[in-house]
């Protein structure tokens, strides 16, 4: 079994082929929609979700309204221990614009990537995607450019306005 400790806090090592979920997230409804990766509940991680070099903190807009300092404390706890740090926000409140603006500012100032999701299913898909693509190069998602004449001509002619 492959083990990576480069992204973890402390001396604990966790298997790299799993989505590691902090025990505090055990009742989170989004986890019932995670189907394409295996889940490992653990107390050995600081963020809510951890992969090899990626971590995610989860917060809903409603929760942020009730506890506005919570996410700042969590971001400080995570620190700079992961290469990619994601703030996954579930937009579940209609008066969301001020909260989203505040979360965007917090994420930007903390070097977190802000991801907005509008359902638990979407949150789960983001976590699965981060886990699936974390070890792949950027080439796998880049657009492929045609080298043959006819496909290139077709592309040029079909894109002209």
N, C-alpha and C. Protein backbone atom coordinates (compact mmCIF):
# COMPACT_ATOMS: atom_id res chain seq x y z
N UNK A 1 0.84 -1.17 0.00
CA UNK A 1 0.00 0.00 0.00
C UNK A 1 0.89 1.24 0.00
N UNK A 2 0.58 2.18 -0.89
CA UNK A 2 1.35 3.40 -1.01
C UNK A 2 0.97 4.36 0.11
N UNK A 3 1.96 4.95 0.76
CA UNK A 3 1.71 5.87 1.86
C UNK A 3 2.46 7.16 1.60
N UNK A 4 1.77 8.28 1.83
CA UNK A 4 2.38 9.58 1.66
C UNK A 4 2.18 10.40 2.90
N UNK A 5 3.24 10.95 3.45
CA UNK A 5 3.12 11.78 4.65
C UNK A 5 3.46 13.23 4.36
N UNK A 6 3.73 13.58 3.10
CA UNK A 6 4.16 14.93 2.78
C UNK A 6 3.09 15.97 3.02
N UNK A 7 1.84 15.58 3.01
CA UNK A 7 0.77 16.55 3.13
C UNK A 7 0.09 16.52 4.49
N UNK A 8 0.55 15.69 5.39
CA UNK A 8 -0.15 15.51 6.65
C UNK A 8 0.58 16.21 7.78
N UNK A 9 -0.18 16.60 8.77
CA UNK A 9 0.36 17.23 9.95
C UNK A 9 0.75 16.13 10.93
N UNK A 10 1.88 16.26 11.55
CA UNK A 10 2.32 15.27 12.52
C UNK A 10 3.01 14.10 11.84
N UNK A 11 3.19 13.03 12.58
CA UNK A 11 3.93 11.89 12.06
C UNK A 11 3.04 10.80 11.50
N UNK A 12 1.73 10.98 11.53
CA UNK A 12 0.82 9.96 11.04
C UNK A 12 0.84 9.90 9.52
N UNK A 13 0.82 8.68 8.99
CA UNK A 13 0.73 8.52 7.54
C UNK A 13 -0.58 7.83 7.22
N UNK A 14 -1.20 8.26 6.13
CA UNK A 14 -2.49 7.71 5.72
C UNK A 14 -2.39 7.18 4.31
N UNK A 15 -3.15 6.14 3.97
CA UNK A 15 -3.13 5.61 2.61
C UNK A 15 -3.53 6.68 1.61
N UNK A 16 -2.87 6.71 0.45
CA UNK A 16 -3.09 7.78 -0.52
C UNK A 16 -4.22 7.49 -1.49
N UNK A 17 -4.78 6.28 -1.48
CA UNK A 17 -5.82 5.95 -2.45
C UNK A 17 -7.23 6.20 -1.93
N UNK A 18 -7.35 6.92 -0.82
CA UNK A 18 -8.64 7.16 -0.19
C UNK A 18 -8.91 8.65 -0.01
N UNK A 19 -10.18 8.99 0.07
CA UNK A 19 -10.58 10.33 0.48
C UNK A 19 -10.67 10.29 2.00
N UNK A 20 -9.80 11.00 2.67
CA UNK A 20 -9.78 11.01 4.13
C UNK A 20 -10.74 12.08 4.63
N UNK A 21 -11.64 11.65 5.51
CA UNK A 21 -12.68 12.53 6.02
C UNK A 21 -12.52 12.65 7.53
N UNK A 22 -12.46 13.89 8.00
CA UNK A 22 -12.37 14.14 9.43
C UNK A 22 -13.63 13.61 10.10
N UNK A 23 -13.47 13.00 11.27
CA UNK A 23 -14.60 12.42 12.01
C UNK A 23 -15.72 13.42 12.26
N UNK A 24 -15.41 14.70 12.38
CA UNK A 24 -16.44 15.71 12.65
C UNK A 24 -17.41 15.84 11.47
N UNK A 25 -17.04 15.35 10.30
CA UNK A 25 -17.90 15.42 9.11
C UNK A 25 -18.78 14.19 8.95
N UNK A 26 -18.72 13.27 9.88
CA UNK A 26 -19.43 11.98 9.73
C UNK A 26 -20.91 12.13 9.41
N UNK A 27 -21.62 13.09 9.94
CA UNK A 27 -23.04 13.25 9.67
C UNK A 27 -23.37 14.15 8.50
N UNK A 28 -22.36 14.61 7.77
CA UNK A 28 -22.58 15.55 6.68
C UNK A 28 -23.35 14.85 5.55
N UNK A 29 -24.50 15.42 5.13
CA UNK A 29 -25.32 14.77 4.09
C UNK A 29 -24.61 14.61 2.75
N UNK A 30 -23.61 15.42 2.46
CA UNK A 30 -22.94 15.30 1.16
C UNK A 30 -22.20 13.97 1.03
N UNK A 31 -21.81 13.37 2.13
CA UNK A 31 -21.04 12.13 2.06
C UNK A 31 -21.84 10.95 1.51
N UNK A 32 -23.15 11.00 1.58
CA UNK A 32 -23.95 9.91 1.01
C UNK A 32 -23.90 9.92 -0.52
N UNK A 33 -23.45 11.03 -1.10
CA UNK A 33 -23.35 11.13 -2.56
C UNK A 33 -21.94 10.85 -3.09
N UNK A 34 -20.99 10.63 -2.21
CA UNK A 34 -19.63 10.27 -2.65
C UNK A 34 -19.64 8.79 -2.96
N UNK A 35 -19.53 8.47 -4.26
CA UNK A 35 -19.62 7.07 -4.67
C UNK A 35 -18.42 6.58 -5.46
N UNK A 36 -17.68 7.49 -6.06
CA UNK A 36 -16.61 7.08 -6.97
C UNK A 36 -15.23 6.99 -6.33
N UNK A 37 -15.13 7.34 -5.06
CA UNK A 37 -13.89 7.17 -4.31
C UNK A 37 -14.22 6.56 -2.95
N UNK A 38 -13.26 5.86 -2.39
CA UNK A 38 -13.46 5.26 -1.08
C UNK A 38 -13.20 6.29 0.01
N UNK A 39 -13.98 6.20 1.08
CA UNK A 39 -13.89 7.14 2.20
C UNK A 39 -13.22 6.45 3.38
N UNK A 40 -12.36 7.21 4.05
CA UNK A 40 -11.72 6.74 5.28
C UNK A 40 -11.94 7.82 6.34
N UNK A 41 -12.74 7.49 7.36
CA UNK A 41 -12.94 8.43 8.46
C UNK A 41 -11.75 8.35 9.40
N UNK A 42 -11.26 9.53 9.81
CA UNK A 42 -10.08 9.56 10.66
C UNK A 42 -10.08 10.81 11.53
N UNK A 43 -9.39 10.73 12.63
CA UNK A 43 -9.16 11.90 13.49
C UNK A 43 -7.75 12.45 13.28
N UNK A 44 -7.00 11.85 12.36
CA UNK A 44 -5.59 12.20 12.16
C UNK A 44 -5.36 13.36 11.20
N UNK A 45 -6.41 14.02 10.75
CA UNK A 45 -6.25 15.14 9.84
C UNK A 45 -6.91 16.38 10.44
N UNK A 46 -6.40 17.53 10.07
CA UNK A 46 -6.98 18.80 10.54
C UNK A 46 -8.10 19.28 9.64
N UNK A 47 -7.94 19.25 8.30
CA UNK A 47 -9.04 19.73 7.45
C UNK A 47 -10.22 18.75 7.46
N UNK A 48 -11.31 19.17 6.86
CA UNK A 48 -12.49 18.31 6.79
C UNK A 48 -12.28 17.14 5.84
N UNK A 49 -11.60 17.41 4.72
CA UNK A 49 -11.33 16.39 3.71
C UNK A 49 -9.88 16.51 3.28
N UNK A 50 -9.21 15.37 3.13
CA UNK A 50 -7.80 15.39 2.73
C UNK A 50 -7.53 14.31 1.71
N UNK A 51 -6.69 14.67 0.73
CA UNK A 51 -6.18 13.74 -0.25
C UNK A 51 -4.66 13.75 -0.05
N UNK A 52 -3.87 13.43 -1.05
CA UNK A 52 -2.42 13.45 -0.89
C UNK A 52 -1.88 14.86 -0.68
N UNK A 53 -2.10 15.72 -1.65
CA UNK A 53 -1.55 17.08 -1.57
C UNK A 53 -2.65 18.13 -1.58
N UNK A 54 -3.88 17.70 -1.46
CA UNK A 54 -5.04 18.59 -1.52
C UNK A 54 -5.87 18.42 -0.25
N UNK A 55 -6.40 19.52 0.23
CA UNK A 55 -7.32 19.44 1.36
C UNK A 55 -8.51 20.35 1.08
N UNK A 56 -9.61 20.11 1.77
CA UNK A 56 -10.79 20.94 1.61
C UNK A 56 -11.43 21.19 2.97
N UNK A 57 -11.82 22.42 3.16
CA UNK A 57 -12.65 22.79 4.30
C UNK A 57 -14.05 23.02 3.75
N UNK A 58 -15.05 22.53 4.48
CA UNK A 58 -16.43 22.64 4.03
C UNK A 58 -17.18 23.57 4.97
N UNK A 59 -18.00 24.45 4.38
CA UNK A 59 -18.88 25.29 5.18
C UNK A 59 -20.11 25.62 4.35
N UNK A 60 -21.25 25.73 5.01
CA UNK A 60 -22.46 26.18 4.33
C UNK A 60 -22.65 27.66 4.64
N UNK A 61 -23.35 28.34 3.77
CA UNK A 61 -23.59 29.77 3.98
C UNK A 61 -24.42 29.98 5.24
N UNK A 62 -25.41 29.11 5.48
CA UNK A 62 -26.22 29.23 6.70
C UNK A 62 -25.36 29.10 7.95
N UNK A 63 -24.44 28.15 7.95
CA UNK A 63 -23.56 27.96 9.10
C UNK A 63 -22.64 29.17 9.26
N UNK A 64 -22.17 29.71 8.16
CA UNK A 64 -21.30 30.89 8.22
C UNK A 64 -22.05 32.09 8.80
N UNK A 65 -23.34 32.22 8.49
CA UNK A 65 -24.14 33.31 9.08
C UNK A 65 -24.18 33.18 10.60
N UNK A 66 -24.33 31.96 11.11
CA UNK A 66 -24.44 31.74 12.56
C UNK A 66 -23.09 31.80 13.26
N UNK A 67 -22.02 31.37 12.56
CA UNK A 67 -20.67 31.31 13.17
C UNK A 67 -19.65 31.93 12.22
N UNK A 68 -19.61 33.25 12.10
CA UNK A 68 -18.75 33.88 11.10
C UNK A 68 -17.24 33.72 11.35
N UNK A 69 -16.82 33.46 12.56
CA UNK A 69 -15.38 33.33 12.87
C UNK A 69 -14.89 31.89 12.71
N UNK A 70 -15.81 30.94 12.55
CA UNK A 70 -15.45 29.52 12.50
C UNK A 70 -14.47 29.22 11.36
N UNK A 71 -14.76 29.70 10.17
CA UNK A 71 -13.92 29.33 9.02
C UNK A 71 -12.54 29.96 9.12
N UNK A 72 -12.44 31.13 9.70
CA UNK A 72 -11.12 31.76 9.88
C UNK A 72 -10.26 30.92 10.81
N UNK A 73 -10.86 30.43 11.89
CA UNK A 73 -10.13 29.57 12.83
C UNK A 73 -9.69 28.28 12.15
N UNK A 74 -10.57 27.68 11.34
CA UNK A 74 -10.24 26.44 10.65
C UNK A 74 -9.11 26.64 9.63
N UNK A 75 -9.16 27.75 8.91
CA UNK A 75 -8.11 28.06 7.93
C UNK A 75 -6.77 28.22 8.64
N UNK A 76 -6.78 28.88 9.77
CA UNK A 76 -5.54 29.05 10.55
C UNK A 76 -5.01 27.71 11.03
N UNK A 77 -5.90 26.79 11.42
CA UNK A 77 -5.47 25.46 11.86
C UNK A 77 -4.80 24.68 10.73
N UNK A 78 -5.34 24.78 9.52
CA UNK A 78 -4.79 24.04 8.38
C UNK A 78 -3.42 24.60 8.00
N UNK A 79 -3.28 25.92 8.05
CA UNK A 79 -1.99 26.54 7.71
C UNK A 79 -1.63 26.33 6.25
N UNK A 80 -0.36 26.10 5.98
CA UNK A 80 0.15 25.94 4.61
C UNK A 80 0.59 24.50 4.34
N UNK A 81 -0.05 23.53 4.99
CA UNK A 81 0.41 22.14 4.92
C UNK A 81 0.06 21.40 3.64
N UNK A 82 -0.77 21.96 2.79
CA UNK A 82 -1.18 21.28 1.57
C UNK A 82 -0.87 22.16 0.36
N UNK A 83 -0.57 21.53 -0.76
CA UNK A 83 -0.27 22.26 -1.99
C UNK A 83 -1.50 22.98 -2.53
N UNK A 84 -2.65 22.29 -2.55
CA UNK A 84 -3.91 22.88 -2.97
C UNK A 84 -4.86 22.85 -1.78
N UNK A 85 -5.34 24.02 -1.41
CA UNK A 85 -6.27 24.14 -0.29
C UNK A 85 -7.56 24.75 -0.81
N UNK A 86 -8.66 24.03 -0.59
CA UNK A 86 -9.95 24.40 -1.16
C UNK A 86 -10.92 24.76 -0.04
N UNK A 87 -11.65 25.85 -0.26
CA UNK A 87 -12.76 26.20 0.62
C UNK A 87 -14.03 25.87 -0.16
N UNK A 88 -14.68 24.78 0.21
CA UNK A 88 -15.88 24.30 -0.47
C UNK A 88 -17.10 24.86 0.26
N UNK A 89 -17.86 25.71 -0.43
CA UNK A 89 -18.98 26.41 0.18
C UNK A 89 -20.29 25.91 -0.43
N UNK A 90 -21.18 25.45 0.44
CA UNK A 90 -22.52 25.07 0.02
C UNK A 90 -23.41 26.31 0.13
N UNK A 91 -23.91 26.78 -1.00
CA UNK A 91 -24.78 27.96 -1.03
C UNK A 91 -26.20 27.47 -0.77
N UNK A 92 -26.63 27.61 0.48
CA UNK A 92 -27.94 27.10 0.90
C UNK A 92 -28.80 28.18 1.55
N UNK A 93 -28.53 29.44 1.25
CA UNK A 93 -29.28 30.55 1.83
C UNK A 93 -29.54 31.58 0.74
N UNK A 94 -30.76 32.08 0.69
CA UNK A 94 -31.10 33.02 -0.38
C UNK A 94 -30.43 34.37 -0.22
N UNK A 95 -30.16 34.80 1.01
CA UNK A 95 -29.46 36.07 1.23
C UNK A 95 -27.97 35.78 1.34
N UNK A 96 -27.40 35.29 0.23
CA UNK A 96 -26.05 34.74 0.27
C UNK A 96 -24.96 35.69 -0.21
N UNK A 97 -25.29 36.76 -0.90
CA UNK A 97 -24.26 37.58 -1.52
C UNK A 97 -23.26 38.17 -0.52
N UNK A 98 -23.69 38.78 0.58
CA UNK A 98 -22.69 39.30 1.54
C UNK A 98 -21.78 38.20 2.11
N UNK A 99 -22.38 37.06 2.41
CA UNK A 99 -21.58 35.95 2.97
C UNK A 99 -20.60 35.42 1.94
N UNK A 100 -21.03 35.30 0.69
CA UNK A 100 -20.12 34.81 -0.36
C UNK A 100 -18.99 35.80 -0.59
N UNK A 101 -19.30 37.07 -0.58
CA UNK A 101 -18.24 38.09 -0.72
C UNK A 101 -17.23 37.99 0.42
N UNK A 102 -17.72 37.79 1.63
CA UNK A 102 -16.83 37.66 2.77
C UNK A 102 -15.98 36.39 2.68
N UNK A 103 -16.61 35.27 2.31
CA UNK A 103 -15.87 34.02 2.17
C UNK A 103 -14.85 34.10 1.03
N UNK A 104 -15.18 34.82 -0.03
CA UNK A 104 -14.23 35.02 -1.12
C UNK A 104 -13.02 35.81 -0.64
N UNK A 105 -13.25 36.85 0.12
CA UNK A 105 -12.14 37.64 0.67
C UNK A 105 -11.27 36.80 1.59
N UNK A 106 -11.90 36.03 2.47
CA UNK A 106 -11.15 35.17 3.40
C UNK A 106 -10.33 34.15 2.63
N UNK A 107 -10.93 33.51 1.63
CA UNK A 107 -10.21 32.49 0.84
C UNK A 107 -9.05 33.12 0.10
N UNK A 108 -9.27 34.27 -0.51
CA UNK A 108 -8.20 34.93 -1.26
C UNK A 108 -7.04 35.31 -0.36
N UNK A 109 -7.33 35.89 0.78
CA UNK A 109 -6.28 36.31 1.71
C UNK A 109 -5.54 35.14 2.33
N UNK A 110 -6.14 33.97 2.32
CA UNK A 110 -5.52 32.78 2.92
C UNK A 110 -4.95 31.82 1.89
N UNK A 111 -4.95 32.20 0.62
CA UNK A 111 -4.46 31.36 -0.47
C UNK A 111 -5.25 30.05 -0.59
N UNK A 112 -6.55 30.13 -0.37
CA UNK A 112 -7.44 29.01 -0.59
C UNK A 112 -8.17 29.22 -1.90
N UNK A 113 -8.55 28.14 -2.55
CA UNK A 113 -9.37 28.20 -3.75
C UNK A 113 -10.82 28.09 -3.33
N UNK A 114 -11.63 29.07 -3.70
CA UNK A 114 -13.04 29.07 -3.33
C UNK A 114 -13.85 28.32 -4.39
N UNK A 115 -14.62 27.33 -3.96
CA UNK A 115 -15.51 26.58 -4.83
C UNK A 115 -16.91 26.71 -4.27
N UNK A 116 -17.83 27.22 -5.09
CA UNK A 116 -19.23 27.34 -4.68
C UNK A 116 -20.02 26.19 -5.27
N UNK A 117 -20.82 25.54 -4.43
CA UNK A 117 -21.69 24.46 -4.87
C UNK A 117 -23.10 24.76 -4.38
N UNK A 118 -24.07 24.33 -5.14
CA UNK A 118 -25.46 24.67 -4.82
C UNK A 118 -26.28 23.47 -4.38
N UNK A 119 -25.62 22.33 -4.18
CA UNK A 119 -26.30 21.14 -3.65
C UNK A 119 -25.25 20.22 -3.04
N UNK A 120 -25.71 19.30 -2.22
CA UNK A 120 -24.80 18.32 -1.63
C UNK A 120 -24.21 17.40 -2.69
N UNK A 121 -24.99 17.11 -3.72
CA UNK A 121 -24.50 16.27 -4.81
C UNK A 121 -23.32 16.95 -5.51
N UNK A 122 -23.46 18.24 -5.76
CA UNK A 122 -22.39 18.99 -6.41
C UNK A 122 -21.13 19.03 -5.53
N UNK A 123 -21.32 19.21 -4.23
CA UNK A 123 -20.17 19.18 -3.30
C UNK A 123 -19.45 17.84 -3.38
N UNK A 124 -20.21 16.76 -3.39
CA UNK A 124 -19.62 15.43 -3.46
C UNK A 124 -18.85 15.24 -4.76
N UNK A 125 -19.39 15.72 -5.88
CA UNK A 125 -18.71 15.59 -7.17
C UNK A 125 -17.39 16.36 -7.17
N UNK A 126 -17.38 17.54 -6.56
CA UNK A 126 -16.12 18.29 -6.48
C UNK A 126 -15.06 17.51 -5.69
N UNK A 127 -15.45 16.94 -4.56
CA UNK A 127 -14.49 16.17 -3.77
C UNK A 127 -13.98 14.97 -4.56
N UNK A 128 -14.88 14.27 -5.24
CA UNK A 128 -14.46 13.13 -6.07
C UNK A 128 -13.52 13.57 -7.17
N UNK A 129 -13.81 14.69 -7.80
CA UNK A 129 -12.98 15.18 -8.90
C UNK A 129 -11.59 15.56 -8.41
N UNK A 130 -11.53 16.26 -7.28
CA UNK A 130 -10.22 16.62 -6.73
C UNK A 130 -9.40 15.38 -6.42
N UNK A 131 -10.04 14.36 -5.85
CA UNK A 131 -9.32 13.13 -5.53
C UNK A 131 -8.88 12.41 -6.80
N UNK A 132 -9.75 12.35 -7.80
CA UNK A 132 -9.45 11.62 -9.03
C UNK A 132 -8.32 12.28 -9.82
N UNK A 133 -8.31 13.60 -9.88
CA UNK A 133 -7.35 14.31 -10.72
C UNK A 133 -6.12 14.82 -9.98
N UNK A 134 -5.97 14.54 -8.70
CA UNK A 134 -4.87 15.13 -7.95
C UNK A 134 -3.48 14.70 -8.43
N UNK A 135 -3.35 13.53 -9.00
CA UNK A 135 -2.04 13.06 -9.46
C UNK A 135 -1.90 13.11 -10.98
N UNK A 136 -2.87 13.68 -11.66
CA UNK A 136 -2.81 13.76 -13.12
C UNK A 136 -2.20 15.10 -13.52
N UNK A 137 -1.56 15.11 -14.69
CA UNK A 137 -0.97 16.35 -15.19
C UNK A 137 -2.04 17.21 -15.84
N UNK A 138 -1.71 18.46 -16.07
CA UNK A 138 -2.65 19.39 -16.70
C UNK A 138 -2.96 19.00 -18.14
N UNK A 139 -2.11 18.20 -18.75
CA UNK A 139 -2.32 17.77 -20.14
C UNK A 139 -3.63 17.00 -20.27
N UNK A 140 -4.02 16.28 -19.24
CA UNK A 140 -5.22 15.45 -19.33
C UNK A 140 -6.51 16.26 -19.44
N UNK A 141 -6.48 17.54 -19.08
CA UNK A 141 -7.69 18.36 -19.18
C UNK A 141 -7.56 19.48 -20.20
N UNK A 142 -6.43 19.58 -20.85
CA UNK A 142 -6.24 20.63 -21.86
C UNK A 142 -6.91 20.24 -23.17
N UNK A 143 -7.31 21.27 -23.92
CA UNK A 143 -7.91 21.04 -25.22
C UNK A 143 -6.84 20.53 -26.19
N UNK A 144 -7.22 19.54 -26.96
CA UNK A 144 -6.29 19.00 -27.94
C UNK A 144 -6.45 19.74 -29.26
N UNK A 145 -5.32 20.14 -29.81
CA UNK A 145 -5.33 20.88 -31.06
C UNK A 145 -5.13 19.92 -32.22
N UNK A 146 -5.95 20.06 -33.23
CA UNK A 146 -5.87 19.21 -34.41
C UNK A 146 -4.61 19.53 -35.21
N UNK A 147 -4.00 18.49 -35.76
CA UNK A 147 -2.81 18.68 -36.60
C UNK A 147 -3.10 18.42 -38.07
N UNK A 148 -4.15 17.70 -38.37
CA UNK A 148 -4.52 17.41 -39.75
C UNK A 148 -5.22 18.61 -40.37
N UNK A 149 -5.08 18.75 -41.69
CA UNK A 149 -5.61 19.92 -42.39
C UNK A 149 -7.14 20.01 -42.34
N UNK A 150 -7.85 18.95 -42.72
CA UNK A 150 -9.31 19.01 -42.81
C UNK A 150 -9.98 19.25 -41.45
N UNK A 151 -9.58 18.57 -40.38
CA UNK A 151 -10.20 18.89 -39.09
C UNK A 151 -9.91 20.33 -38.64
N UNK A 152 -8.71 20.84 -38.94
CA UNK A 152 -8.39 22.22 -38.57
C UNK A 152 -9.22 23.20 -39.39
N UNK A 153 -9.37 22.92 -40.69
CA UNK A 153 -10.19 23.78 -41.55
C UNK A 153 -11.63 23.78 -41.07
N UNK A 154 -12.15 22.61 -40.73
CA UNK A 154 -13.50 22.50 -40.21
C UNK A 154 -13.66 23.32 -38.92
N UNK A 155 -12.67 23.24 -38.04
CA UNK A 155 -12.72 23.98 -36.79
C UNK A 155 -12.71 25.48 -37.05
N UNK A 156 -11.85 25.95 -37.94
CA UNK A 156 -11.76 27.39 -38.26
C UNK A 156 -13.06 27.88 -38.86
N UNK A 157 -13.60 27.15 -39.81
CA UNK A 157 -14.82 27.59 -40.49
C UNK A 157 -16.04 27.55 -39.58
N UNK A 158 -16.06 26.62 -38.67
CA UNK A 158 -17.23 26.52 -37.78
C UNK A 158 -17.16 27.52 -36.62
N UNK A 159 -16.00 28.12 -36.37
CA UNK A 159 -15.87 29.09 -35.28
C UNK A 159 -15.95 30.53 -35.74
N UNK A 160 -15.99 30.78 -37.04
CA UNK A 160 -16.06 32.14 -37.55
C UNK A 160 -17.46 32.65 -37.35
N UNK A 161 -17.57 33.90 -36.86
CA UNK A 161 -18.89 34.50 -36.64
C UNK A 161 -19.37 35.18 -37.90
